[in-house]
Amino acid sequence: MYAILTNSQFRFGGGDLDEFYESGRNTIRDVIAECDRLGIAQTRGQALDFGCGVGRLTAPLAAYFDGVVGLDVAGSMIARARETHGDLCQFSVHLNDDLAMYPSRSFDFIVSLLVLQHLPSRALMERYMSEFVRILRPGGALVVNFPARVPTPPPLPPWNTKAGLRKRLGSELRHWRVSPDYLYRHLDWVPEMTMTAIPDDDVRSIFKAAGGEVSFSTEPNTDPQGTEDRIYYVTR
């Protein structure tokens, strides 16, 4: 759960499980309400949650759509999602760099929040942006977020400090496949995440080139670390 919602209460398996899943239900409720306001995704056939994790957003979609698919690169996440929500949704491990397994116009609704910015390159982000539009049915809705600005990460603490030594030791031990759970608990290690920004004008141009149209975007939200982020509602 901590890998999905980086709230300290969820570290080491802690936190309130009901609160975790309730946050997903609230997010989907608000997203669907926004789609209704915009008049998009009014056909409620098939939905896709790309980067679904343990199904925090996927499961609530089953209350609105006839069929729901969740895709994630992490087999452990998919195993937990199937265990918890397998009666509601279909979950699959996704290791490809496109969505070629789905024909064009397959889904009425696609959601991918807090996912694409962590892909290893902007080129791959743009490929998925185009793929999402391709597999979206006319009048459907794609709901996706992008950071427009990502601050430069602070330098590592000096190696001869406790924090600096822990940081370097944790990364080195993980390279040698030491259990993340051990590193979390004993070295307070947190894995580094790729964070790629795409400016607002570029996001709109990429979707337009793919045949999509941004119906609405939220006002920029800036988190305490200085990352500026928007959620986009795209239709075809």
C-alpha atoms as a PDB file:
ATOM      1  CA  MET A   1       0.000   0.000   0.000  1.00  0.00           C
ATOM      2  CA  TYR A   2       2.885   2.360   0.746  1.00  0.00           C
ATOM      3  CA  ALA A   3       4.138   1.945  -2.844  1.00  0.00           C
ATOM      4  CA  ILE A   4       0.727   3.173  -4.039  1.00  0.00           C
ATOM      5  CA  LEU A   5      -0.031   5.891  -1.475  1.00  0.00           C
ATOM      6  CA  THR A   6       3.243   7.169  -0.023  1.00  0.00           C
ATOM      7  CA  ASN A   7       1.708   7.972   3.343  1.00  0.00           C
ATOM      8  CA  SER A   8       3.868   6.978   6.301  1.00  0.00           C
ATOM      9  CA  GLN A   9       0.955   5.180   7.997  1.00  0.00           C
ATOM     10  CA  PHE A  10       1.099   2.485   5.287  1.00  0.00           C
ATOM     11  CA  ARG A  11       4.775   1.614   5.751  1.00  0.00           C
ATOM     12  CA  PHE A  12       5.642  -1.922   6.901  1.00  0.00           C
ATOM     13  CA  GLY A  13       2.106  -3.172   6.276  1.00  0.00           C
ATOM     14  CA  GLY A  14       0.546  -0.654   8.641  1.00  0.00           C
ATOM     15  CA  GLY A  15      -2.368   1.700   8.198  1.00  0.00           C
ATOM     16  CA  ASP A  16      -6.096   1.232   7.945  1.00  0.00           C
ATOM     17  CA  LEU A  17      -7.003  -1.092   5.059  1.00  0.00           C
ATOM     18  CA  ASP A  18     -10.568   0.235   4.879  1.00  0.00           C
ATOM     19  CA  GLU A  19      -9.262   3.800   4.694  1.00  0.00           C
ATOM     20  CA  PHE A  20      -6.899   2.795   1.889  1.00  0.00           C
ATOM     21  CA  TYR A  21      -9.665   1.323  -0.257  1.00  0.00           C
ATOM     22  CA  GLU A  22     -12.122   4.062   0.688  1.00  0.00           C
ATOM     23  CA  SER A  23      -9.708   6.586  -0.825  1.00  0.00           C
ATOM     24  CA  GLY A  24     -10.014   4.712  -4.124  1.00  0.00           C
ATOM     25  CA  ARG A  25     -13.807   4.670  -3.977  1.00  0.00           C
ATOM     26  CA  ASN A  26     -13.841   8.416  -3.328  1.00  0.00           C
ATOM     27  CA  THR A  27     -11.474   9.089  -6.230  1.00  0.00           C
ATOM     28  CA  ILE A  28     -13.541   7.077  -8.703  1.00  0.00           C
ATOM     29  CA  ARG A  29     -16.779   8.637  -7.439  1.00  0.00           C
ATOM     30  CA  ASP A  30     -15.372  12.115  -8.094  1.00  0.00           C
ATOM     31  CA  VAL A  31     -13.916  11.142 -11.492  1.00  0.00           C
ATOM     32  CA  ILE A  32     -17.193   9.639 -12.697  1.00  0.00           C
ATOM     33  CA  ALA A  33     -19.070  12.719 -11.481  1.00  0.00           C
ATOM     34  CA  GLU A  34     -16.707  14.895 -13.527  1.00  0.00           C
ATOM     35  CA  CYS A  35     -17.235  12.699 -16.595  1.00  0.00           C
ATOM     36  CA  ASP A  36     -21.003  13.087 -16.124  1.00  0.00           C
ATOM     37  CA  ARG A  37     -20.617  16.849 -15.931  1.00  0.00           C
ATOM     38  CA  LEU A  38     -18.613  16.811 -19.163  1.00  0.00           C
ATOM     39  CA  GLY A  39     -20.985  14.370 -20.872  1.00  0.00           C
ATOM     40  CA  ILE A  40     -18.282  11.815 -21.653  1.00  0.00           C
ATOM     41  CA  ALA A  41     -18.042   8.079 -20.877  1.00  0.00           C
ATOM     42  CA  GLN A  42     -21.818   7.858 -20.721  1.00  0.00           C
ATOM     43  CA  THR A  43     -21.713   4.361 -22.228  1.00  0.00           C
ATOM     44  CA  ARG A  44     -20.658   2.103 -19.379  1.00  0.00           C
ATOM     45  CA  GLY A  45     -19.365  -1.037 -21.079  1.00  0.00           C
ATOM     46  CA  GLN A  46     -15.650  -1.764 -20.581  1.00  0.00           C
ATOM     47  CA  ALA A  47     -13.156   0.062 -18.343  1.00  0.00           C
ATOM     48  CA  LEU A  48      -9.370  -0.194 -17.979  1.00  0.00           C
ATOM     49  CA  ASP A  49      -7.195   0.747 -15.004  1.00  0.00           C
ATOM     50  CA  PHE A  50      -3.608   1.003 -16.260  1.00  0.00           C
ATOM     51  CA  GLY A  51      -1.092   0.633 -13.431  1.00  0.00           C
ATOM     52  CA  CYS A  52      -3.763  -0.804 -11.164  1.00  0.00           C
ATOM     53  CA  GLY A  53      -1.585  -1.903  -8.233  1.00  0.00           C
ATOM     54  CA  VAL A  54      -3.695  -3.879  -5.766  1.00  0.00           C
ATOM     55  CA  GLY A  55      -6.962  -2.646  -7.310  1.00  0.00           C
ATOM     56  CA  ARG A  56      -7.563   0.481  -5.228  1.00  0.00           C
ATOM     57  CA  LEU A  57      -9.199   2.233  -8.211  1.00  0.00           C
ATOM     58  CA  THR A  58     -10.082  -0.863 -10.238  1.00  0.00           C
ATOM     59  CA  ALA A  59     -12.585  -2.422  -7.854  1.00  0.00           C
ATOM     60  CA  PRO A  60     -14.748   0.722  -7.476  1.00  0.00           C
ATOM     61  CA  LEU A  61     -15.092   0.898 -11.272  1.00  0.00           C
ATOM     62  CA  ALA A  62     -17.089  -2.343 -11.155  1.00  0.00           C
ATOM     63  CA  ALA A  63     -19.983  -0.362  -9.674  1.00  0.00           C
ATOM     64  CA  TYR A  64     -20.173   1.737 -12.852  1.00  0.00           C
ATOM     65  CA  PHE A  65     -19.038  -0.509 -15.737  1.00  0.00           C
ATOM     66  CA  ASP A  66     -20.049  -3.930 -17.051  1.00  0.00           C
ATOM     67  CA  GLY A  67     -16.455  -5.168 -17.256  1.00  0.00           C
ATOM     68  CA  VAL A  68     -13.227  -3.884 -15.678  1.00  0.00           C
ATOM     69  CA  VAL A  69      -9.610  -4.800 -16.475  1.00  0.00           C
ATOM     70  CA  GLY A  70      -6.609  -3.925 -14.298  1.00  0.00           C
ATOM     71  CA  LEU A  71      -3.034  -4.056 -15.659  1.00  0.00           C
ATOM     72  CA  ASP A  72       0.172  -3.718 -13.670  1.00  0.00           C
ATOM     73  CA  VAL A  73       3.834  -4.571 -14.174  1.00  0.00           C
ATOM     74  CA  ALA A  74       4.217  -6.014 -10.654  1.00  0.00           C
ATOM     75  CA  GLY A  75       3.201  -9.629 -10.275  1.00  0.00           C
ATOM     76  CA  SER A  76       2.947  -9.264  -6.491  1.00  0.00           C
ATOM     77  CA  MET A  77       0.450  -6.411  -6.894  1.00  0.00           C
ATOM     78  CA  ILE A  78      -1.649  -8.400  -9.355  1.00  0.00           C
ATOM     79  CA  ALA A  79      -1.648 -11.429  -7.036  1.00  0.00           C
ATOM     80  CA  ARG A  80      -3.012  -9.289  -4.194  1.00  0.00           C
ATOM     81  CA  ALA A  81      -5.561  -7.649  -6.498  1.00  0.00           C
ATOM     82  CA  ARG A  82      -6.853 -11.029  -7.674  1.00  0.00           C
ATOM     83  CA  GLU A  83      -7.028 -12.296  -4.108  1.00  0.00           C
ATOM     84  CA  THR A  84      -8.993  -9.269  -2.938  1.00  0.00           C
ATOM     85  CA  HIS A  85     -11.069  -8.247  -5.968  1.00  0.00           C
ATOM     86  CA  GLY A  86     -10.879 -11.150  -8.408  1.00  0.00           C
ATOM     87  CA  ASP A  87     -14.635 -11.662  -8.237  1.00  0.00           C
ATOM     88  CA  LEU A  88     -15.219  -8.112  -9.525  1.00  0.00           C
ATOM     89  CA  CYS A  89     -12.476  -7.459 -12.076  1.00  0.00           C
ATOM     90  CA  GLN A  90      -9.995  -9.142 -14.403  1.00  0.00           C
ATOM     91  CA  PHE A  91      -6.332  -8.518 -13.488  1.00  0.00           C
ATOM     92  CA  SER A  92      -3.260  -9.213 -15.628  1.00  0.00           C
ATOM     93  CA  VAL A  93       0.490  -8.658 -15.402  1.00  0.00           C
ATOM     94  CA  HIS A  94       1.501  -6.294 -18.212  1.00  0.00           C
ATOM     95  CA  LEU A  95       5.122  -6.361 -19.384  1.00  0.00           C
ATOM     96  CA  ASN A  96       4.744  -5.065 -22.953  1.00  0.00           C
ATOM     97  CA  ASP A  97       5.620  -1.534 -24.049  1.00  0.00           C
ATOM     98  CA  ASP A  98       2.288  -1.017 -25.838  1.00  0.00           C
ATOM     99  CA  LEU A  99      -1.349  -2.133 -25.717  1.00  0.00           C
ATOM    100  CA  ALA A 100      -1.336  -4.027 -29.012  1.00  0.00           C
ATOM    101  CA  MET A 101      -3.300  -6.895 -27.440  1.00  0.00           C
ATOM    102  CA  TYR A 102      -6.385  -4.656 -27.467  1.00  0.00           C
ATOM    103  CA  PRO A 103      -8.131  -3.692 -30.710  1.00  0.00           C
ATOM    104  CA  SER A 104      -8.838  -0.042 -31.390  1.00  0.00           C
ATOM    105  CA  ARG A 105     -11.953   1.324 -29.653  1.00  0.00           C
ATOM    106  CA  SER A 106     -12.036  -1.388 -26.962  1.00  0.00           C
ATOM    107  CA  PHE A 107     -12.808   0.695 -23.850  1.00  0.00           C
ATOM    108  CA  ASP A 108     -15.381   3.256 -22.799  1.00  0.00           C
ATOM    109  CA  PHE A 109     -13.258   4.456 -19.902  1.00  0.00           C
ATOM    110  CA  ILE A 110      -9.536   4.387 -19.102  1.00  0.00           C
ATOM    111  CA  VAL A 111      -7.914   5.624 -15.905  1.00  0.00           C
ATOM    112  CA  SER A 112      -4.198   5.874 -15.143  1.00  0.00           C
ATOM    113  CA  LEU A 113      -3.321   8.013 -12.132  1.00  0.00           C
ATOM    114  CA  LEU A 114       0.157   8.351 -10.568  1.00  0.00           C
ATOM    115  CA  VAL A 115       1.569   5.901 -13.120  1.00  0.00           C
ATOM    116  CA  LEU A 116       2.884   7.295 -16.409  1.00  0.00           C
ATOM    117  CA  GLN A 117       5.338   9.742 -14.840  1.00  0.00           C
ATOM    118  CA  HIS A 118       7.207   6.769 -13.368  1.00  0.00           C
ATOM    119  CA  LEU A 119       7.863   5.106 -16.745  1.00  0.00           C
ATOM    120  CA  PRO A 120      11.549   5.020 -17.725  1.00  0.00           C
ATOM    121  CA  SER A 121      11.356   7.544 -20.581  1.00  0.00           C
ATOM    122  CA  ARG A 122       9.209  10.312 -22.017  1.00  0.00           C
ATOM    123  CA  ALA A 123       9.112   8.434 -25.331  1.00  0.00           C
ATOM    124  CA  LEU A 124       7.391   5.513 -23.609  1.00  0.00           C
ATOM    125  CA  MET A 125       4.966   7.886 -21.872  1.00  0.00           C
ATOM    126  CA  GLU A 126       4.018   9.372 -25.246  1.00  0.00           C
ATOM    127  CA  ARG A 127       3.562   5.907 -26.757  1.00  0.00           C
ATOM    128  CA  TYR A 128       1.056   4.994 -24.068  1.00  0.00           C
ATOM    129  CA  MET A 129      -0.726   8.330 -24.435  1.00  0.00           C
ATOM    130  CA  SER A 130      -1.296   7.507 -28.112  1.00  0.00           C
ATOM    131  CA  GLU A 131      -2.245   3.919 -27.296  1.00  0.00           C
ATOM    132  CA  PHE A 132      -4.836   5.065 -24.778  1.00  0.00           C
ATOM    133  CA  VAL A 133      -6.512   7.223 -27.419  1.00  0.00           C
ATOM    134  CA  ARG A 134      -6.379   4.375 -29.945  1.00  0.00           C
ATOM    135  CA  ILE A 135      -8.188   1.902 -27.677  1.00  0.00           C
ATOM    136  CA  LEU A 136     -10.714   4.481 -26.425  1.00  0.00           C
ATOM    137  CA  ARG A 137     -14.170   4.391 -27.967  1.00  0.00           C
ATOM    138  CA  PRO A 138     -15.598   7.621 -29.427  1.00  0.00           C
ATOM    139  CA  GLY A 139     -17.268   9.569 -26.639  1.00  0.00           C
ATOM    140  CA  GLY A 140     -15.333   7.639 -23.994  1.00  0.00           C
ATOM    141  CA  ALA A 141     -13.099   9.139 -21.346  1.00  0.00           C
ATOM    142  CA  LEU A 142      -9.422   8.818 -20.534  1.00  0.00           C
ATOM    143  CA  VAL A 143      -8.487  10.185 -17.102  1.00  0.00           C
ATOM    144  CA  VAL A 144      -4.753  10.563 -16.610  1.00  0.00           C
ATOM    145  CA  ASN A 145      -2.374  12.819 -14.721  1.00  0.00           C
ATOM    146  CA  PHE A 146       1.004  14.316 -15.585  1.00  0.00           C
ATOM    147  CA  PRO A 147       3.457  16.472 -13.674  1.00  0.00           C
ATOM    148  CA  ALA A 148       4.235  19.638 -15.614  1.00  0.00           C
ATOM    149  CA  ARG A 149       7.227  20.417 -13.421  1.00  0.00           C
ATOM    150  CA  VAL A 150       9.447  18.201 -11.283  1.00  0.00           C
ATOM    151  CA  PRO A 151      12.005  19.860  -8.979  1.00  0.00           C
ATOM    152  CA  THR A 152      15.616  18.778  -9.019  1.00  0.00           C
ATOM    153  CA  PRO A 153      16.095  16.199  -6.253  1.00  0.00           C
ATOM    154  CA  PRO A 154      18.205  17.349  -3.323  1.00  0.00           C
ATOM    155  CA  PRO A 155      21.778  16.083  -3.175  1.00  0.00           C
ATOM    156  CA  LEU A 156      22.516  12.990  -1.132  1.00  0.00           C
ATOM    157  CA  PRO A 157      23.617  13.618   2.444  1.00  0.00           C
ATOM    158  CA  PRO A 158      27.404  13.309   2.890  1.00  0.00           C
ATOM    159  CA  TRP A 159      28.547   9.684   2.956  1.00  0.00           C
ATOM    160  CA  ASN A 160      30.133  10.141   6.399  1.00  0.00           C
ATOM    161  CA  THR A 161      26.750  10.949   7.988  1.00  0.00           C
ATOM    162  CA  LYS A 162      24.328   8.310   9.260  1.00  0.00           C
ATOM    163  CA  ALA A 163      21.666   9.306   6.707  1.00  0.00           C
ATOM    164  CA  GLY A 164      24.141   9.370   3.824  1.00  0.00           C
ATOM    165  CA  LEU A 165      25.605   5.994   4.719  1.00  0.00           C
ATOM    166  CA  ARG A 166      22.168   4.399   5.040  1.00  0.00           C
ATOM    167  CA  LYS A 167      21.089   5.783   1.665  1.00  0.00           C
ATOM    168  CA  ARG A 168      24.145   4.492  -0.156  1.00  0.00           C
ATOM    169  CA  LEU A 169      24.198   1.167   1.649  1.00  0.00           C
ATOM    170  CA  GLY A 170      20.495   0.573   0.963  1.00  0.00           C
ATOM    171  CA  SER A 171      20.909   1.194  -2.773  1.00  0.00           C
ATOM    172  CA  GLU A 172      23.982  -1.036  -2.963  1.00  0.00           C
ATOM    173  CA  LEU A 173      22.343  -3.899  -1.062  1.00  0.00           C
ATOM    174  CA  ARG A 174      19.215  -3.679  -3.218  1.00  0.00           C
ATOM    175  CA  HIS A 175      21.453  -3.978  -6.278  1.00  0.00           C
ATOM    176  CA  TRP A 176      22.524  -7.325  -4.817  1.00  0.00           C
ATOM    177  CA  ARG A 177      18.844  -8.330  -4.413  1.00  0.00           C
ATOM    178  CA  VAL A 178      18.611  -7.982  -0.645  1.00  0.00           C
ATOM    179  CA  SER A 179      14.933  -8.071   0.391  1.00  0.00           C
ATOM    180  CA  PRO A 180      13.260  -4.636   0.189  1.00  0.00           C
ATOM    181  CA  ASP A 181      11.387  -5.445   3.406  1.00  0.00           C
ATOM    182  CA  TYR A 182      14.694  -5.847   5.253  1.00  0.00           C
ATOM    183  CA  LEU A 183      16.005  -2.584   3.819  1.00  0.00           C
ATOM    184  CA  TYR A 184      12.805  -0.692   4.692  1.00  0.00           C
ATOM    185  CA  ARG A 185      12.835  -1.886   8.286  1.00  0.00           C
ATOM    186  CA  HIS A 186      16.538  -1.747   9.114  1.00  0.00           C
ATOM    187  CA  LEU A 187      17.944   1.002   6.887  1.00  0.00           C
ATOM    188  CA  ASP A 188      14.838   3.188   6.388  1.00  0.00           C
ATOM    189  CA  TRP A 189      15.495   2.759   2.661  1.00  0.00           C
ATOM    190  CA  VAL A 190      13.036   4.085   0.071  1.00  0.00           C
ATOM    191  CA  PRO A 191      13.561   3.200  -3.615  1.00  0.00           C
ATOM    192  CA  GLU A 192      14.237   6.019  -6.027  1.00  0.00           C
ATOM    193  CA  MET A 193      11.421   6.590  -8.518  1.00  0.00           C
ATOM    194  CA  THR A 194      11.698   7.997 -12.006  1.00  0.00           C
ATOM    195  CA  MET A 195       9.639  11.181 -12.241  1.00  0.00           C
ATOM    196  CA  THR A 196       9.257  12.702 -15.718  1.00  0.00           C
ATOM    197  CA  ALA A 197       7.391  15.925 -16.413  1.00  0.00           C
ATOM    198  CA  ILE A 198       5.519  16.861 -19.594  1.00  0.00           C
ATOM    199  CA  PRO A 199       4.499  20.533 -19.968  1.00  0.00           C
ATOM    200  CA  ASP A 200       0.793  21.226 -20.332  1.00  0.00           C
ATOM    201  CA  ASP A 201       1.049  22.439 -23.940  1.00  0.00           C
ATOM    202  CA  ASP A 202       2.932  19.278 -24.912  1.00  0.00           C
ATOM    203  CA  VAL A 203       0.340  17.024 -23.256  1.00  0.00           C
ATOM    204  CA  ARG A 204      -2.439  18.649 -25.273  1.00  0.00           C
ATOM    205  CA  SER A 205      -0.446  18.469 -28.522  1.00  0.00           C
ATOM    206  CA  ILE A 206       0.386  14.775 -28.042  1.00  0.00           C
ATOM    207  CA  PHE A 207      -3.224  13.852 -27.423  1.00  0.00           C
ATOM    208  CA  LYS A 208      -4.403  15.964 -30.370  1.00  0.00           C
ATOM    209  CA  ALA A 209      -1.910  14.285 -32.709  1.00  0.00           C
ATOM    210  CA  ALA A 210      -3.234  10.896 -31.578  1.00  0.00           C
ATOM    211  CA  GLY A 211      -6.847  11.877 -32.322  1.00  0.00           C
ATOM    212  CA  GLY A 212      -7.841  12.821 -28.783  1.00  0.00           C
ATOM    213  CA  GLU A 213      -9.191  16.027 -27.294  1.00  0.00           C
ATOM    214  CA  VAL A 214      -8.669  17.376 -23.779  1.00  0.00           C
ATOM    215  CA  SER A 215     -12.181  18.131 -22.531  1.00  0.00           C
ATOM    216  CA  PHE A 216     -11.040  19.418 -19.159  1.00  0.00           C
ATOM    217  CA  SER A 217      -7.975  19.623 -16.933  1.00  0.00           C
ATOM    218  CA  THR A 218      -7.738  20.426 -13.249  1.00  0.00           C
ATOM    219  CA  GLU A 219      -5.885  23.451 -11.965  1.00  0.00           C
ATOM    220  CA  PRO A 220      -2.214  22.724 -11.240  1.00  0.00           C
ATOM    221  CA  ASN A 221      -1.645  21.097  -7.864  1.00  0.00           C
ATOM    222  CA  THR A 222       1.767  21.515  -6.232  1.00  0.00           C
ATOM    223  CA  ASP A 223       2.833  18.996  -3.596  1.00  0.00           C
ATOM    224  CA  PRO A 224       5.153  19.793  -0.651  1.00  0.00           C
ATOM    225  CA  GLN A 225       8.188  18.671  -2.698  1.00  0.00           C
ATOM    226  CA  GLY A 226       7.365  21.153  -5.476  1.00  0.00           C
ATOM    227  CA  THR A 227       5.997  18.781  -8.134  1.00  0.00           C
ATOM    228  CA  GLU A 228       3.258  20.498 -10.161  1.00  0.00           C
ATOM    229  CA  ASP A 229       0.573  18.141 -11.431  1.00  0.00           C
ATOM    230  CA  ARG A 230      -2.677  18.192 -13.442  1.00  0.00           C
ATOM    231  CA  ILE A 231      -5.383  15.602 -14.133  1.00  0.00           C
ATOM    232  CA  TYR A 232      -6.620  15.508 -17.743  1.00  0.00           C
ATOM    233  CA  TYR A 233      -9.984  14.302 -19.044  1.00  0.00           C
ATOM    234  CA  VAL A 234      -9.519  13.251 -22.663  1.00  0.00           C
ATOM    235  CA  THR A 235     -12.109  12.028 -25.142  1.00  0.00           C
ATOM    236  CA  ARG A 236     -12.018  10.777 -28.705  1.00  0.00           C
END
